[in-house]
Protein backbone atom coordinates (compact mmCIF):
# COMPACT_ATOMS: atom_id res chain seq x y z
CA MET A 1 -27.82 -10.86 12.26
CA GLU A 2 -29.11 -9.41 8.77
CA SER A 3 -30.50 -6.55 7.95
CA SER A 4 -33.96 -5.88 8.29
CA ILE A 5 -34.19 -2.80 5.94
CA THR A 6 -36.44 -3.45 2.56
CA ARG A 7 -34.41 -0.36 -0.22
CA ALA A 8 -33.04 -1.09 -3.52
CA PRO A 9 -29.02 -2.39 -3.49
CA ARG A 10 -26.26 0.50 -2.48
CA ALA A 11 -22.49 0.94 -3.91
CA ILE A 12 -20.63 1.76 -1.07
CA VAL A 13 -16.57 2.99 -0.99
CA VAL A 14 -14.44 2.22 1.64
CA VAL A 15 -10.72 4.21 2.22
CA LEU A 16 -8.10 3.10 4.88
CA ASP A 17 -6.41 6.12 4.28
CA SER A 18 -3.38 5.29 2.85
CA VAL A 19 -2.86 1.46 3.46
CA GLY A 20 -0.79 0.67 0.64
CA ALA A 21 -0.13 -2.39 -1.60
CA GLY A 22 3.57 -1.68 -2.64
CA ALA A 23 5.66 0.66 -4.53
CA LEU A 24 4.48 1.94 -7.95
CA PRO A 25 6.70 1.48 -10.94
CA ASP A 26 7.85 5.43 -10.43
CA ALA A 27 8.17 4.82 -6.32
CA ALA A 28 11.26 6.21 -7.20
CA GLU A 29 11.21 9.61 -8.62
CA TYR A 30 9.42 10.22 -5.41
CA GLY A 31 12.21 9.04 -2.77
CA ASP A 32 9.73 5.38 -1.95
CA GLU A 33 11.13 2.48 -3.47
CA GLY A 34 10.34 -0.51 -2.28
CA ALA A 35 8.10 0.62 -0.38
CA ASN A 36 4.84 -1.24 1.11
CA THR A 37 2.38 -0.38 3.57
CA LEU A 38 0.36 -3.54 4.38
CA SER A 39 3.41 -5.66 3.62
CA HIS A 40 5.94 -4.54 5.86
CA THR A 41 3.59 -3.34 8.57
CA SER A 42 2.21 -7.06 9.45
CA TYR A 43 6.00 -8.26 9.15
CA ALA A 44 6.61 -5.58 11.84
CA CYS A 45 4.33 -6.38 13.95
CA GLY A 46 4.82 -10.51 13.48
CA GLY A 47 1.69 -11.19 11.90
CA LEU A 48 -2.45 -9.62 11.70
CA SER A 49 -4.80 -10.80 12.39
CA MET A 50 -7.47 -10.58 9.69
CA PRO A 51 -10.10 -13.10 9.16
CA GLN A 52 -12.50 -11.66 7.78
CA LEU A 53 -10.76 -9.51 4.86
CA GLY A 54 -8.27 -12.13 4.46
CA ALA A 55 -11.35 -14.25 3.52
CA MET A 56 -12.28 -11.77 1.10
CA GLY A 57 -9.16 -11.67 -0.27
CA LEU A 58 -6.82 -8.78 1.15
CA GLY A 59 -3.93 -12.06 1.78
CA ASN A 60 -4.13 -12.47 -2.84
CA ILE A 61 -3.02 -8.46 -3.01
CA THR A 62 0.21 -8.57 -1.17
CA ASP A 63 2.53 -10.46 1.68
CA VAL A 64 0.38 -9.91 4.00
CA MET A 65 2.03 -11.76 7.10
CA GLY A 66 -1.08 -13.60 9.01
CA VAL A 67 -3.09 -12.96 6.69
CA PRO A 68 -2.09 -16.23 4.11
CA PRO A 69 -3.49 -15.87 0.20
CA VAL A 70 -6.95 -18.36 -0.20
CA ASP A 71 -7.59 -20.30 -2.62
CA ALA A 72 -11.23 -18.92 -3.06
CA PRO A 73 -12.08 -15.43 -2.27
CA THR A 74 -15.22 -14.29 -0.71
CA ALA A 75 -14.91 -10.81 -2.75
CA SER A 76 -12.92 -10.13 -6.42
CA TRP A 77 -9.84 -9.00 -5.53
CA GLY A 78 -6.56 -6.66 -7.35
CA LYS A 79 -4.74 -3.39 -7.35
CA ASN A 80 -5.16 -0.44 -8.11
CA ALA A 81 -2.36 2.09 -9.77
CA GLU A 82 -2.32 5.75 -9.66
CA ALA A 83 -2.54 7.49 -13.41
CA SER A 84 -2.06 10.91 -11.66
CA ALA A 85 0.60 12.45 -10.63
CA GLY A 86 1.38 12.81 -6.97
CA LYS A 87 0.43 11.27 -3.77
CA ASP A 88 -1.76 12.58 -1.06
CA THR A 89 -4.63 12.79 -0.13
CA THR A 90 -6.87 14.97 -2.61
CA THR A 91 -5.03 13.22 -5.31
CA GLY A 92 -6.09 9.81 -4.44
CA HIS A 93 -9.12 10.49 -4.15
CA TRP A 94 -10.15 12.81 -7.08
CA GLU A 95 -9.24 10.63 -8.57
CA MET A 96 -11.66 6.83 -7.77
CA MET A 97 -14.19 9.81 -8.76
CA GLY A 98 -12.41 10.21 -11.99
CA LEU A 99 -10.96 13.61 -12.34
CA GLN A 100 -6.86 12.41 -12.72
CA LEU A 101 -3.64 15.02 -11.94
CA LYS A 102 -1.21 15.94 -14.58
CA THR A 103 1.07 18.36 -12.43
CA ALA A 104 0.99 17.36 -9.27
CA PHE A 105 -0.29 20.27 -6.56
CA PRO A 106 2.96 22.52 -5.11
CA THR A 107 5.08 21.05 -2.52
CA TYR A 108 7.18 23.43 -0.21
CA PRO A 109 9.74 21.48 1.02
CA ASP A 110 12.17 24.75 2.47
CA GLY A 111 8.84 26.64 4.12
CA PHE A 112 6.32 29.43 1.69
CA PRO A 113 7.75 31.52 0.25
CA ASP A 114 7.26 35.71 1.96
CA GLU A 115 4.78 36.95 -0.67
CA VAL A 116 2.77 33.92 0.60
CA ILE A 117 3.70 34.45 3.95
CA ASP A 118 3.61 38.14 4.11
CA GLU A 119 0.12 38.17 2.89
CA PHE A 120 -1.45 35.78 4.44
CA ILE A 121 -0.71 38.07 7.12
CA ARG A 122 -1.92 41.37 5.77
CA LEU A 123 -5.23 39.71 5.00
CA THR A 124 -6.37 37.54 8.79
CA GLY A 125 -5.30 40.47 10.87
CA VAL A 126 -2.46 38.34 13.04
CA PRO A 127 0.47 39.55 14.62
CA GLY A 128 3.01 37.48 12.87
CA ILE A 129 3.74 33.35 12.08
CA LEU A 130 5.50 30.90 14.02
CA GLY A 131 6.94 28.22 12.34
CA ASN A 132 7.27 27.97 8.89
CA TYR A 133 9.21 24.61 7.62
CA ALA A 134 7.99 21.20 7.24
CA ALA A 135 7.68 19.51 10.38
CA SER A 136 5.07 16.89 12.62
CA GLY A 137 2.31 18.49 14.08
CA THR A 138 2.44 16.79 17.04
CA VAL A 139 6.26 18.55 17.49
CA ILE A 140 6.12 21.63 16.17
CA ILE A 141 2.95 22.67 19.21
CA GLU A 142 5.53 21.10 21.65
CA ASP A 143 8.64 23.39 19.73
CA LEU A 144 6.24 26.45 19.55
CA GLY A 145 2.99 25.95 21.68
CA ASP A 146 4.44 28.21 24.28
CA GLU A 147 5.48 31.20 21.57
CA HIS A 148 2.02 30.60 19.88
CA VAL A 149 -0.20 31.09 23.38
CA ALA A 150 1.74 33.79 24.23
CA THR A 151 2.19 35.54 21.13
CA GLY A 152 -1.54 34.74 19.57
CA LYS A 153 1.01 34.53 16.16
CA PRO A 154 -0.08 31.04 14.52
CA ILE A 155 1.88 28.00 13.73
CA VAL A 156 2.62 27.58 10.29
CA TYR A 157 3.49 24.51 8.56
CA THR A 158 4.44 21.79 5.54
CA SER A 159 4.82 18.85 4.99
CA ALA A 160 6.00 16.81 2.22
CA ASP A 161 3.17 16.40 1.39
CA SER A 162 0.79 19.56 -0.84
CA VAL A 163 -0.81 21.48 2.57
CA PHE A 164 -1.08 24.55 4.47
CA GLN A 165 -1.50 23.15 7.68
CA ILE A 166 -2.13 26.24 10.90
CA ALA A 167 -2.00 25.46 14.10
CA CYS A 168 -3.86 27.59 17.25
CA ASN A 169 -4.56 26.96 20.48
CA GLU A 170 -8.72 26.14 20.64
CA GLU A 171 -8.34 27.88 24.45
CA THR A 172 -6.37 31.14 22.98
CA PHE A 173 -6.51 31.36 19.14
CA GLY A 174 -9.93 29.88 19.33
CA LEU A 175 -11.50 27.95 16.85
CA GLU A 176 -14.11 29.41 14.44
CA ARG A 177 -11.18 32.42 14.86
CA LEU A 178 -9.01 29.92 13.15
CA TYR A 179 -11.62 28.46 10.37
CA GLU A 180 -11.78 31.85 9.61
CA ALA A 181 -7.76 32.09 8.79
CA CYS A 182 -7.83 28.21 7.10
CA GLU A 183 -11.00 29.45 4.67
CA ILE A 184 -9.50 33.23 3.58
CA ALA A 185 -6.09 31.82 3.48
CA ARG A 186 -7.76 28.80 0.62
CA LYS A 187 -9.00 31.85 -0.96
CA MET A 188 -5.76 33.27 -1.62
CA LEU A 189 -3.98 30.47 -2.86
CA VAL A 190 -4.34 30.31 -5.92
CA GLY A 191 -2.24 29.93 -9.20
CA GLU A 192 1.33 29.27 -8.73
CA HIS A 193 0.42 28.52 -5.38
CA CYS A 194 -2.70 26.33 -5.25
CA VAL A 195 -2.03 23.80 -2.51
CA GLY A 196 -4.43 20.70 -2.48
CA ARG A 197 -5.34 21.41 1.43
CA VAL A 198 -5.79 23.93 3.97
CA ILE A 199 -5.34 22.35 7.36
CA ALA A 200 -6.72 23.53 10.72
CA ARG A 201 -4.76 21.65 13.15
CA PRO A 202 -6.59 22.39 16.69
CA PHE A 203 -4.57 21.88 20.03
CA ILE A 204 -5.20 22.11 23.49
CA GLY A 205 -3.02 23.00 26.13
CA PRO A 206 -0.76 22.93 28.11
CA ASP A 207 -1.52 19.90 30.87
CA ALA A 208 0.43 20.32 34.10
CA SER A 209 3.13 18.49 32.52
CA GLY A 210 3.14 21.46 29.77
CA HIS A 211 2.40 19.34 27.20
CA TYR A 212 0.04 20.19 24.12
CA THR A 213 -2.27 17.66 22.48
CA ARG A 214 -4.23 18.48 19.09
CA THR A 215 -8.02 17.92 19.10
CA HIS A 216 -10.68 15.68 16.53
CA ARG A 217 -11.43 18.61 15.40
CA ARG A 218 -9.56 19.89 11.87
CA ARG A 219 -10.62 20.06 9.78
CA ASP A 220 -9.34 20.55 5.72
CA PHE A 221 -10.41 22.87 3.50
CA ALA A 222 -9.67 21.74 -0.47
CA VAL A 223 -9.11 22.94 -3.42
CA LYS A 224 -12.58 22.79 -5.03
CA PRO A 225 -12.47 19.84 -7.85
CA PHE A 226 -11.76 21.94 -10.74
CA GLU A 227 -13.45 19.32 -13.04
CA PRO A 228 -17.10 17.78 -12.81
CA THR A 229 -16.58 14.31 -11.18
CA VAL A 230 -18.69 11.26 -10.84
CA LEU A 231 -20.06 12.43 -7.44
CA ASP A 232 -21.42 15.29 -9.63
CA LEU A 233 -22.51 12.83 -12.00
CA LEU A 234 -24.17 11.08 -9.58
CA GLN A 235 -26.14 13.77 -8.11
CA ASP A 236 -26.98 15.38 -11.17
CA ASN A 237 -28.40 11.73 -11.29
CA GLY A 238 -30.51 11.86 -8.98
CA VAL A 239 -28.55 9.84 -6.52
CA PRO A 240 -26.94 11.28 -2.99
CA VAL A 241 -23.57 10.96 -1.86
CA PHE A 242 -23.10 10.49 1.83
CA GLY A 243 -19.93 10.74 3.14
CA VAL A 244 -17.81 9.61 6.11
CA GLY A 245 -15.45 11.58 7.85
CA LYS A 246 -13.59 14.00 4.88
CA ILE A 247 -14.90 13.32 2.12
CA GLY A 248 -17.35 16.14 2.36
CA ASP A 249 -13.77 18.47 2.73
CA ILE A 250 -11.81 16.93 0.38
CA PHE A 251 -14.20 17.71 -2.60
CA ALA A 252 -14.61 20.92 -0.68
CA TRP A 253 -18.64 19.84 -0.54
CA ARG A 254 -19.55 19.71 -4.13
CA ALA A 255 -22.22 17.39 -4.98
CA VAL A 256 -21.08 15.84 -1.61
CA THR A 257 -25.14 15.95 0.39
CA SER A 258 -23.67 14.76 4.17
CA SER A 259 -20.40 14.15 5.39
CA PRO A 260 -20.80 13.64 9.06
CA HIS A 261 -17.13 14.63 10.99
CA VAL A 262 -15.74 12.06 13.05
CA THR A 263 -13.25 11.21 16.35
CA ASP A 264 -11.70 8.39 14.86
CA ASN A 265 -11.74 5.22 13.16
CA MET A 266 -13.92 3.08 15.32
CA ASP A 267 -15.96 6.34 14.69
CA GLY A 268 -15.75 6.80 11.60
CA PHE A 269 -16.73 2.40 10.99
CA THR A 270 -19.64 3.21 12.73
CA LYS A 271 -20.64 5.97 11.23
CA LEU A 272 -20.14 4.06 8.24
CA VAL A 273 -22.90 1.33 8.94
CA GLU A 274 -25.36 4.23 10.23
CA GLU A 275 -24.65 4.84 6.40
CA VAL A 276 -25.67 1.93 4.65
CA GLY A 277 -27.98 1.16 6.86
CA ARG A 278 -30.12 4.16 5.60
CA PRO A 279 -34.29 3.21 3.92
CA GLU A 280 -33.04 6.10 1.04
CA GLN A 281 -30.81 5.48 -1.65
CA GLY A 282 -27.85 6.72 -1.77
CA PHE A 283 -23.96 6.32 -2.57
CA VAL A 284 -22.00 5.72 1.15
CA PHE A 285 -17.81 7.07 0.00
CA THR A 286 -15.79 6.73 3.03
CA ASN A 287 -12.48 7.90 4.84
CA LEU A 288 -10.82 6.44 7.80
CA VAL A 289 -8.47 8.37 8.40
CA ASP A 290 -6.23 7.23 11.35
CA PHE A 291 -4.18 5.16 9.61
CA ASP A 292 -2.64 8.72 7.95
CA MET A 293 -3.06 10.74 9.86
CA LEU A 294 -2.08 8.97 12.84
CA TRP A 295 -0.10 6.50 12.56
CA GLY A 296 1.33 6.50 9.56
CA HIS A 297 3.02 9.75 9.63
CA ARG A 298 4.60 8.71 13.13
CA ASN A 299 5.46 5.93 12.38
CA ASP A 300 3.69 4.06 15.06
CA PHE A 301 3.79 0.59 13.13
CA ARG A 302 2.35 -1.29 16.27
CA ALA A 303 -1.41 0.93 16.57
CA TYR A 304 -0.97 1.04 12.45
CA GLY A 305 -1.31 -2.93 13.03
CA ALA A 306 -4.33 -2.74 15.57
CA GLY A 307 -5.48 -0.40 13.58
CA LEU A 308 -6.26 -3.01 10.58
CA GLU A 309 -7.32 -5.60 12.76
CA ALA A 310 -9.75 -3.66 14.53
CA VAL A 311 -11.43 -3.13 11.38
CA ASP A 312 -11.48 -6.20 10.37
CA ARG A 313 -13.44 -6.97 13.82
CA ARG A 314 -15.51 -4.94 13.00
CA MET A 315 -16.70 -6.39 9.22
CA PRO A 316 -20.08 -8.58 9.64
CA GLU A 317 -21.56 -5.13 11.31
CA LEU A 318 -21.09 -4.23 7.67
CA LEU A 319 -21.79 -6.78 6.25
CA ASP A 320 -24.94 -7.12 7.96
CA ALA A 321 -26.04 -4.10 7.24
CA MET A 322 -26.11 -4.02 3.36
CA VAL A 323 -28.43 -5.89 2.11
CA ASP A 324 -28.50 -8.08 -1.27
CA GLY A 325 -26.94 -6.70 -3.99
CA ASP A 326 -25.28 -3.76 -2.35
CA LEU A 327 -21.31 -3.39 -3.89
CA LEU A 328 -18.91 -2.38 -0.79
CA ILE A 329 -15.54 -1.11 -2.36
CA ILE A 330 -12.30 -1.80 -0.06
CA THR A 331 -9.21 0.74 -1.48
CA ALA A 332 -7.09 3.37 0.15
CA ASP A 333 -5.52 6.74 -1.46
CA HIS A 334 -1.97 6.66 -1.00
CA GLY A 335 0.78 4.72 1.24
CA CYS A 336 2.02 5.82 3.84
CA ASP A 337 4.68 2.84 4.75
CA PRO A 338 5.40 3.14 8.51
CA THR A 339 8.96 0.95 9.36
CA THR A 340 10.51 3.51 6.68
CA ASP A 341 12.43 6.42 8.07
CA SER A 342 10.33 8.94 5.88
CA THR A 343 7.08 9.95 7.77
CA ASP A 344 5.41 11.26 4.18
CA HIS A 345 3.06 9.53 2.12
CA SER A 346 4.20 6.85 -0.11
CA ARG A 347 3.62 6.26 -3.56
CA GLU A 348 2.13 2.78 -3.98
CA TYR A 349 -0.46 0.42 -5.26
CA THR A 350 -4.15 0.48 -3.30
CA PRO A 351 -5.62 -2.51 -2.60
CA LEU A 352 -9.23 -3.41 -4.30
CA ILE A 353 -11.62 -5.46 -3.08
CA ALA A 354 -15.48 -5.89 -4.41
CA LYS A 355 -17.88 -7.53 -3.36
CA ILE A 356 -21.49 -7.72 -3.84
CA LYS A 357 -23.66 -9.25 -1.15
CA GLY A 358 -25.04 -12.40 -1.33
CA LEU A 359 -22.16 -13.37 -3.86
CA ASP A 360 -19.60 -15.77 -1.93
CA ARG A 361 -16.27 -16.30 -4.83
CA GLY A 362 -14.92 -13.41 -6.21
CA VAL A 363 -12.27 -13.04 -9.03
CA PRO A 364 -8.82 -11.99 -10.17
CA LEU A 365 -9.60 -8.28 -11.03
CA GLY A 366 -5.53 -8.03 -11.30
CA ILE A 367 -3.67 -4.72 -12.34
CA ARG A 368 -6.16 -1.52 -12.99
CA ALA A 369 -4.80 1.18 -14.30
CA THR A 370 -6.66 3.97 -12.79
CA PHE A 371 -7.54 4.81 -9.75
CA GLY A 372 -11.09 6.19 -11.49
CA ASP A 373 -11.75 2.13 -12.00
CA ILE A 374 -13.27 2.95 -9.18
CA GLY A 375 -15.29 5.54 -10.21
CA GLU A 376 -16.70 4.23 -13.64
CA THR A 377 -17.57 0.90 -11.51
CA VAL A 378 -20.03 2.69 -9.00
CA LEU A 379 -21.50 4.99 -12.06
CA ASP A 380 -22.41 1.52 -13.99
CA PHE A 381 -23.47 0.11 -10.59
CA TYR A 382 -26.54 3.06 -10.91
CA GLY A 383 -26.92 2.63 -14.72
CA LEU A 384 -24.25 5.54 -15.30
CA ARG A 385 -21.87 3.64 -17.09
CA ASP A 386 -18.71 5.30 -19.57
CA ARG A 387 -20.52 8.38 -18.42
CA CYS A 388 -16.98 9.91 -16.97
CA GLY A 389 -14.89 7.96 -19.69
CA ARG A 390 -11.66 7.90 -17.22
CA GLY A 391 -11.90 4.52 -16.18
CA THR A 392 -13.25 1.11 -16.89
CA SER A 393 -15.80 0.21 -14.95
CA PHE A 394 -14.85 -3.64 -13.60
CA LEU A 395 -18.43 -4.28 -11.83
CA GLU A 396 -19.40 -7.27 -14.84
CA GLU A 397 -16.17 -8.82 -13.56
CA VAL A 398 -17.46 -8.95 -10.14
CA ARG A 399 -21.11 -10.21 -10.82
CA GLY A 400 -20.12 -12.63 -12.96
CA ALA A 401 -17.75 -13.84 -10.32
């Protein structure tokens, strides 16, 4: 059923968080040689059923079992190389919107130094901390949950990514108190220790069997972009930015009009369709995080594959909510290959699908030199071509398909 809404065409970017499309040339420097999240997941699952995205050219981008390449895709297709150093969420999203990082955010594989932990304890007034090592978030709350509940000491941990994560029990420590501690940590972690994100990881329990469970009330406290991004340029020119999911958090709410919280991918997709159906003009920027948070980091390739199929099944809803002339871009921010021994992000190309509603043919877009080509294309769509200058728009290629 076609949308009955009459409005000016809008640009829509959907980020399938961590759905990488093959190792970048420098992947070995990051320990990710041979990674291919999309392809390896499909083979591990014995094939995927993704007819909607398949018709749009997904199988033309990389080898996806069950999703063969097609001769005449209904959208344009290619893949993006990351020009920035790093392989994390903040870096990937920032580069999409025109801000490249020459130096990766700091990481702490051996835990944070004493001066960082001591300052955190002093500023927050907590009785101490537990953990302070790289860990799986689900494992560390099982290991330290009882001691946390008994002592009131927050669980602090990290990963291979640039994150300072704080896990606390919603019921005994308090959700707002956790958020406050994260805000303090965000302001504290500057300069040498400017991590990409401070993440609140609330959990509940123990249940009758003694286990703890993370809740959906996670919040990310990202470092503020240190230069204007495409989002700033859009807002300065009267184009609101409507985020979905953690977009607001990733950009520290700079130049983001709204970004409703989501509980999972399907809730995020529902809110995406709602935002696309808004009668007023504005750019829609969505992150579907379950691929990364729930499945990639846990090496759950079966759930990862099922998640990809679930998004594919809902693509007709999104296309129906669009009006003729709308530009849809589907991509990712990094990889997180769930079939490898690692549980961390992987340095990969990201897929690129670009479709204009009403145009059912596409062209190959090749390998883009930077994720920033996406932001430049969005600016071009709103009549702001080359205003950022950190990428190359592919809008004319897509329109001329």
